[in-house]
């Protein structure tokens, strides 16, 4: 993600903007692939009650944190 700083008067705010698809490199694609595999593995391994807890999670780390 890109870090951007915006100055408004005396206050500086930081925000993160996701990369554009054209800016992805091989390392980013490998991370996406590994994250997808981990999420898929966790979805298959969980029972119905636990699965319902994590259905809205976007990353494998979010799933681990919720469980």
PDB file of N, CA and C in Angstrom:
ATOM      1  N   UNK A   1       0.820  -1.173   0.000  1.00  0.00           N
ATOM      2  CA  UNK A   1       0.000   0.000   0.000  1.00  0.00           C
ATOM      3  C   UNK A   1       0.868   1.242   0.000  1.00  0.00           C
ATOM      4  N   UNK A   2       0.370   2.249  -0.633  1.00  0.00           N
ATOM      5  CA  UNK A   2       1.076   3.514  -0.666  1.00  0.00           C
ATOM      6  C   UNK A   2       0.682   4.346   0.545  1.00  0.00           C
ATOM      7  N   UNK A   3       1.665   4.950   1.169  1.00  0.00           N
ATOM      8  CA  UNK A   3       1.412   5.862   2.280  1.00  0.00           C
ATOM      9  C   UNK A   3       1.368   7.271   1.714  1.00  0.00           C
ATOM     10  N   UNK A   4       0.316   7.998   1.985  1.00  0.00           N
ATOM     11  CA  UNK A   4       0.219   9.383   1.541  1.00  0.00           C
ATOM     12  C   UNK A   4       0.004  10.270   2.753  1.00  0.00           C
ATOM     13  N   UNK A   5       0.605  11.449   2.720  1.00  0.00           N
ATOM     14  CA  UNK A   5       0.436  12.418   3.790  1.00  0.00           C
ATOM     15  C   UNK A   5      -0.284  13.632   3.234  1.00  0.00           C
ATOM     16  N   UNK A   6      -1.235  14.134   3.991  1.00  0.00           N
ATOM     17  CA  UNK A   6      -1.975  15.314   3.601  1.00  0.00           C
ATOM     18  C   UNK A   6      -1.889  16.320   4.736  1.00  0.00           C
ATOM     19  N   UNK A   7      -1.464  17.547   4.427  1.00  0.00           N
ATOM     20  CA  UNK A   7      -1.394  18.595   5.449  1.00  0.00           C
ATOM     21  C   UNK A   7      -2.630  19.469   5.331  1.00  0.00           C
ATOM     22  N   UNK A   8      -3.343  19.605   6.430  1.00  0.00           N
ATOM     23  CA  UNK A   8      -4.505  20.476   6.501  1.00  0.00           C
ATOM     24  C   UNK A   8      -4.248  21.418   7.666  1.00  0.00           C
ATOM     25  N   UNK A   9      -3.822  22.632   7.352  1.00  0.00           N
ATOM     26  CA  UNK A   9      -3.462  23.561   8.417  1.00  0.00           C
ATOM     27  C   UNK A   9      -2.284  23.024   9.193  1.00  0.00           C
ATOM     28  N   UNK A  10      -2.460  22.811  10.485  1.00  0.00           N
ATOM     29  CA  UNK A  10      -1.408  22.293  11.348  1.00  0.00           C
ATOM     30  C   UNK A  10      -1.476  20.776  11.507  1.00  0.00           C
ATOM     31  N   UNK A  11      -2.512  20.146  10.968  1.00  0.00           N
ATOM     32  CA  UNK A  11      -2.726  18.711  11.158  1.00  0.00           C
ATOM     33  C   UNK A  11      -2.241  17.954   9.930  1.00  0.00           C
ATOM     34  N   UNK A  12      -1.473  16.900  10.148  1.00  0.00           N
ATOM     35  CA  UNK A  12      -1.023  16.028   9.067  1.00  0.00           C
ATOM     36  C   UNK A  12      -1.725  14.690   9.227  1.00  0.00           C
ATOM     37  N   UNK A  13      -2.381  14.256   8.178  1.00  0.00           N
ATOM     38  CA  UNK A  13      -3.062  12.967   8.230  1.00  0.00           C
ATOM     39  C   UNK A  13      -2.365  11.997   7.284  1.00  0.00           C
ATOM     40  N   UNK A  14      -2.307  10.745   7.690  1.00  0.00           N
ATOM     41  CA  UNK A  14      -1.722   9.699   6.854  1.00  0.00           C
ATOM     42  C   UNK A  14      -2.823   8.740   6.452  1.00  0.00           C
ATOM     43  N   UNK A  15      -2.774   8.304   5.215  1.00  0.00           N
ATOM     44  CA  UNK A  15      -3.742   7.311   4.762  1.00  0.00           C
ATOM     45  C   UNK A  15      -3.027   6.329   3.844  1.00  0.00           C
ATOM     46  N   UNK A  16      -3.572   5.137   3.755  1.00  0.00           N
ATOM     47  CA  UNK A  16      -3.012   4.113   2.900  1.00  0.00           C
ATOM     48  C   UNK A  16      -3.908   3.914   1.695  1.00  0.00           C
ATOM     49  N   UNK A  17      -3.278   3.868   0.542  1.00  0.00           N
ATOM     50  CA  UNK A  17      -4.017   3.606  -0.686  1.00  0.00           C
ATOM     51  C   UNK A  17      -3.514   2.288  -1.255  1.00  0.00           C
ATOM     52  N   UNK A  18      -4.406   1.395  -1.662  1.00  0.00           N
ATOM     53  CA  UNK A  18      -3.944   0.138  -2.246  1.00  0.00           C
ATOM     54  C   UNK A  18      -3.230   0.385  -3.572  1.00  0.00           C
ATOM     55  N   UNK A  19      -2.330  -0.527  -3.906  1.00  0.00           N
ATOM     56  CA  UNK A  19      -1.618  -0.431  -5.171  1.00  0.00           C
ATOM     57  C   UNK A  19      -2.582  -0.679  -6.325  1.00  0.00           C
ATOM     58  N   UNK A  20      -2.252  -0.123  -7.454  1.00  0.00           N
ATOM     59  CA  UNK A  20      -2.983  -0.447  -8.665  1.00  0.00           C
ATOM     60  C   UNK A  20      -2.534  -1.820  -9.146  1.00  0.00           C
ATOM     61  N   UNK A  21      -3.386  -2.491  -9.884  1.00  0.00           N
ATOM     62  CA  UNK A  21      -3.044  -3.829 -10.360  1.00  0.00           C
ATOM     63  C   UNK A  21      -1.782  -3.799 -11.225  1.00  0.00           C
ATOM     64  N   UNK A  22      -1.576  -2.721 -11.964  1.00  0.00           N
ATOM     65  CA  UNK A  22      -0.393  -2.608 -12.820  1.00  0.00           C
ATOM     66  C   UNK A  22       0.899  -2.442 -12.012  1.00  0.00           C
ATOM     67  N   UNK A  23       0.791  -2.107 -10.731  1.00  0.00           N
ATOM     68  CA  UNK A  23       1.965  -1.908  -9.884  1.00  0.00           C
ATOM     69  C   UNK A  23       2.391  -3.166  -9.139  1.00  0.00           C
ATOM     70  N   UNK A  24       1.638  -4.252  -9.244  1.00  0.00           N
ATOM     71  CA  UNK A  24       1.990  -5.498  -8.567  1.00  0.00           C
ATOM     72  C   UNK A  24       3.249  -6.095  -9.185  1.00  0.00           C
ATOM     73  N   UNK A  25       4.119  -6.633  -8.339  1.00  0.00           N
ATOM     74  CA  UNK A  25       5.298  -7.329  -8.829  1.00  0.00           C
ATOM     75  C   UNK A  25       5.165  -8.811  -8.478  1.00  0.00           C
ATOM     76  N   UNK A  26       6.179  -9.596  -8.802  1.00  0.00           N
ATOM     77  CA  UNK A  26       6.120 -11.038  -8.561  1.00  0.00           C
ATOM     78  C   UNK A  26       5.985 -11.371  -7.080  1.00  0.00           C
ATOM     79  N   UNK A  27       6.629 -10.590  -6.216  1.00  0.00           N
ATOM     80  CA  UNK A  27       6.552 -10.834  -4.775  1.00  0.00           C
ATOM     81  C   UNK A  27       5.122 -10.623  -4.259  1.00  0.00           C
ATOM     82  N   UNK A  28       4.462  -9.567  -4.744  1.00  0.00           N
ATOM     83  CA  UNK A  28       3.077  -9.307  -4.345  1.00  0.00           C
ATOM     84  C   UNK A  28       2.159 -10.448  -4.785  1.00  0.00           C
ATOM     85  N   UNK A  29       2.339 -10.915  -6.005  1.00  0.00           N
ATOM     86  CA  UNK A  29       1.500 -12.004  -6.519  1.00  0.00           C
ATOM     87  C   UNK A  29       1.723 -13.290  -5.731  1.00  0.00           C
ATOM     88  N   UNK A  30       2.965 -13.534  -5.313  1.00  0.00           N
ATOM     89  CA  UNK A  30       3.254 -14.720  -4.506  1.00  0.00           C
ATOM     90  C   UNK A  30       2.563 -14.619  -3.147  1.00  0.00           C
ATOM     91  N   UNK A  31       2.568 -13.414  -2.541  1.00  0.00           N
ATOM     92  CA  UNK A  31       1.896 -13.218  -1.252  1.00  0.00           C
ATOM     93  C   UNK A  31       0.393 -13.434  -1.379  1.00  0.00           C
ATOM     94  N   UNK A  32      -0.211 -12.927  -2.464  1.00  0.00           N
ATOM     95  CA  UNK A  32      -1.641 -13.136  -2.683  1.00  0.00           C
ATOM     96  C   UNK A  32      -1.956 -14.621  -2.819  1.00  0.00           C
ATOM     97  N   UNK A  33      -1.116 -15.329  -3.551  1.00  0.00           N
ATOM     98  CA  UNK A  33      -1.330 -16.752  -3.767  1.00  0.00           C
ATOM     99  C   UNK A  33      -1.248 -17.531  -2.453  1.00  0.00           C
ATOM    100  N   UNK A  34      -0.236 -17.235  -1.639  1.00  0.00           N
ATOM    101  CA  UNK A  34      -0.079 -17.923  -0.358  1.00  0.00           C
ATOM    102  C   UNK A  34      -1.228 -17.596   0.590  1.00  0.00           C
ATOM    103  N   UNK A  35      -1.683 -16.349   0.593  1.00  0.00           N
ATOM    104  CA  UNK A  35      -2.801 -15.959   1.444  1.00  0.00           C
ATOM    105  C   UNK A  35      -4.066 -16.704   1.022  1.00  0.00           C
ATOM    106  N   UNK A  36      -4.305 -16.793  -0.281  1.00  0.00           N
ATOM    107  CA  UNK A  36      -5.483 -17.501  -0.777  1.00  0.00           C
ATOM    108  C   UNK A  36      -5.438 -18.976  -0.385  1.00  0.00           C
ATOM    109  N   UNK A  37      -4.274 -19.594  -0.516  1.00  0.00           N
ATOM    110  CA  UNK A  37      -4.143 -21.003  -0.142  1.00  0.00           C
ATOM    111  C   UNK A  37      -4.404 -21.215   1.348  1.00  0.00           C
ATOM    112  N   UNK A  38      -3.887 -20.315   2.187  1.00  0.00           N
ATOM    113  CA  UNK A  38      -4.094 -20.424   3.634  1.00  0.00           C
ATOM    114  C   UNK A  38      -5.571 -20.252   3.977  1.00  0.00           C
ATOM    115  N   UNK A  39      -6.228 -19.285   3.355  1.00  0.00           N
ATOM    116  CA  UNK A  39      -7.657 -19.065   3.601  1.00  0.00           C
ATOM    117  C   UNK A  39      -8.458 -20.278   3.172  1.00  0.00           C
ATOM    118  N   UNK A  40      -8.156 -20.824   2.019  1.00  0.00           N
ATOM    119  CA  UNK A  40      -8.861 -22.002   1.518  1.00  0.00           C
ATOM    120  C   UNK A  40      -8.682 -23.190   2.468  1.00  0.00           C
ATOM    121  N   UNK A  41      -7.463 -23.403   2.938  1.00  0.00           N
ATOM    122  CA  UNK A  41      -7.190 -24.485   3.881  1.00  0.00           C
ATOM    123  C   UNK A  41      -8.000 -24.314   5.158  1.00  0.00           C
ATOM    124  N   UNK A  42      -8.034 -23.097   5.684  1.00  0.00           N
ATOM    125  CA  UNK A  42      -8.777 -22.833   6.918  1.00  0.00           C
ATOM    126  C   UNK A  42     -10.279 -23.018   6.711  1.00  0.00           C
ATOM    127  N   UNK A  43     -10.803 -22.563   5.587  1.00  0.00           N
ATOM    128  CA  UNK A  43     -12.227 -22.757   5.305  1.00  0.00           C
ATOM    129  C   UNK A  43     -12.589 -24.236   5.275  1.00  0.00           C
ATOM    130  N   UNK A  44     -11.732 -25.040   4.686  1.00  0.00           N
ATOM    131  CA  UNK A  44     -12.010 -26.476   4.584  1.00  0.00           C
ATOM    132  C   UNK A  44     -11.880 -27.193   5.929  1.00  0.00           C
ATOM    133  N   UNK A  45     -11.035 -26.681   6.813  1.00  0.00           N
ATOM    134  CA  UNK A  45     -10.755 -27.369   8.068  1.00  0.00           C
ATOM    135  C   UNK A  45     -11.737 -27.029   9.192  1.00  0.00           C
ATOM    136  N   UNK A  46     -12.486 -25.957   9.043  1.00  0.00           N
ATOM    137  CA  UNK A  46     -13.337 -25.506  10.143  1.00  0.00           C
ATOM    138  C   UNK A  46     -14.727 -26.127  10.107  1.00  0.00           C
ATOM    139  N   UNK A  47     -15.319 -26.251  11.297  1.00  0.00           N
ATOM    140  CA  UNK A  47     -16.702 -26.704  11.359  1.00  0.00           C
ATOM    141  C   UNK A  47     -17.628 -25.533  11.028  1.00  0.00           C
ATOM    142  N   UNK A  48     -18.910 -25.815  10.930  1.00  0.00           N
ATOM    143  CA  UNK A  48     -19.875 -24.816  10.481  1.00  0.00           C
ATOM    144  C   UNK A  48     -19.940 -23.589  11.392  1.00  0.00           C
ATOM    145  N   UNK A  49     -19.898 -23.802  12.698  1.00  0.00           N
ATOM    146  CA  UNK A  49     -19.982 -22.677  13.638  1.00  0.00           C
ATOM    147  C   UNK A  49     -18.774 -21.740  13.517  1.00  0.00           C
ATOM    148  N   UNK A  50     -17.567 -22.316  13.456  1.00  0.00           N
ATOM    149  CA  UNK A  50     -16.366 -21.493  13.315  1.00  0.00           C
ATOM    150  C   UNK A  50     -16.307 -20.832  11.943  1.00  0.00           C
ATOM    151  N   UNK A  51     -16.764 -21.543  10.928  1.00  0.00           N
ATOM    152  CA  UNK A  51     -16.759 -20.989   9.574  1.00  0.00           C
ATOM    153  C   UNK A  51     -17.611 -19.717   9.508  1.00  0.00           C
ATOM    154  N   UNK A  52     -18.753 -19.734  10.170  1.00  0.00           N
ATOM    155  CA  UNK A  52     -19.644 -18.572  10.150  1.00  0.00           C
ATOM    156  C   UNK A  52     -18.996 -17.359  10.820  1.00  0.00           C
ATOM    157  N   UNK A  53     -18.089 -17.588  11.773  1.00  0.00           N
ATOM    158  CA  UNK A  53     -17.404 -16.492  12.460  1.00  0.00           C
ATOM    159  C   UNK A  53     -16.427 -15.761  11.540  1.00  0.00           C
ATOM    160  N   UNK A  54     -15.867 -16.473  10.571  1.00  0.00           N
ATOM    161  CA  UNK A  54     -14.763 -15.920   9.787  1.00  0.00           C
ATOM    162  C   UNK A  54     -15.118 -15.661   8.323  1.00  0.00           C
ATOM    163  N   UNK A  55     -16.385 -15.762   7.957  1.00  0.00           N
ATOM    164  CA  UNK A  55     -16.740 -15.631   6.542  1.00  0.00           C
ATOM    165  C   UNK A  55     -16.415 -14.261   5.959  1.00  0.00           C
ATOM    166  N   UNK A  56     -16.367 -13.208   6.761  1.00  0.00           N
ATOM    167  CA  UNK A  56     -16.108 -11.866   6.239  1.00  0.00           C
ATOM    168  C   UNK A  56     -14.638 -11.468   6.287  1.00  0.00           C
ATOM    169  N   UNK A  57     -13.773 -12.339   6.769  1.00  0.00           N
ATOM    170  CA  UNK A  57     -12.350 -12.021   6.862  1.00  0.00           C
ATOM    171  C   UNK A  57     -11.706 -12.014   5.478  1.00  0.00           C
ATOM    172  N   UNK A  58     -10.801 -11.066   5.268  1.00  0.00           N
ATOM    173  CA  UNK A  58     -10.135 -10.919   3.971  1.00  0.00           C
ATOM    174  C   UNK A  58      -8.750 -11.572   3.925  1.00  0.00           C
ATOM    175  N   UNK A  59      -8.125 -11.777   5.091  1.00  0.00           N
ATOM    176  CA  UNK A  59      -6.780 -12.365   5.110  1.00  0.00           C
ATOM    177  C   UNK A  59      -6.740 -13.531   6.088  1.00  0.00           C
ATOM    178  N   UNK A  60      -5.747 -14.385   5.900  1.00  0.00           N
ATOM    179  CA  UNK A  60      -5.567 -15.525   6.794  1.00  0.00           C
ATOM    180  C   UNK A  60      -5.241 -15.051   8.209  1.00  0.00           C
ATOM    181  N   UNK A  61      -4.528 -13.948   8.345  1.00  0.00           N
ATOM    182  CA  UNK A  61      -4.209 -13.404   9.671  1.00  0.00           C
ATOM    183  C   UNK A  61      -5.480 -12.976  10.404  1.00  0.00           C
ATOM    184  N   UNK A  62      -6.408 -12.349   9.702  1.00  0.00           N
ATOM    185  CA  UNK A  62      -7.678 -11.965  10.318  1.00  0.00           C
ATOM    186  C   UNK A  62      -8.407 -13.209  10.841  1.00  0.00           C
ATOM    187  N   UNK A  63      -8.379 -14.283  10.058  1.00  0.00           N
ATOM    188  CA  UNK A  63      -9.045 -15.524  10.469  1.00  0.00           C
ATOM    189  C   UNK A  63      -8.406 -16.051  11.748  1.00  0.00           C
ATOM    190  N   UNK A  64      -7.055 -16.118  11.786  1.00  0.00           N
ATOM    191  CA  UNK A  64      -6.369 -16.607  12.976  1.00  0.00           C
ATOM    192  C   UNK A  64      -6.689 -15.756  14.186  1.00  0.00           C
ATOM    193  N   UNK A  65      -6.734 -14.445  13.997  1.00  0.00           N
ATOM    194  CA  UNK A  65      -7.024 -13.550  15.119  1.00  0.00           C
ATOM    195  C   UNK A  65      -8.422 -13.760  15.645  1.00  0.00           C
ATOM    196  N   UNK A  66      -9.397 -14.015  14.777  1.00  0.00           N
ATOM    197  CA  UNK A  66     -10.774 -14.236  15.230  1.00  0.00           C
ATOM    198  C   UNK A  66     -10.923 -15.576  15.937  1.00  0.00           C
ATOM    199  N   UNK A  67     -10.186 -16.578  15.467  1.00  0.00           N
ATOM    200  CA  UNK A  67     -10.315 -17.897  16.086  1.00  0.00           C
ATOM    201  C   UNK A  67      -9.583 -17.906  17.410  1.00  0.00           C
TER     202      UNK A  67
END
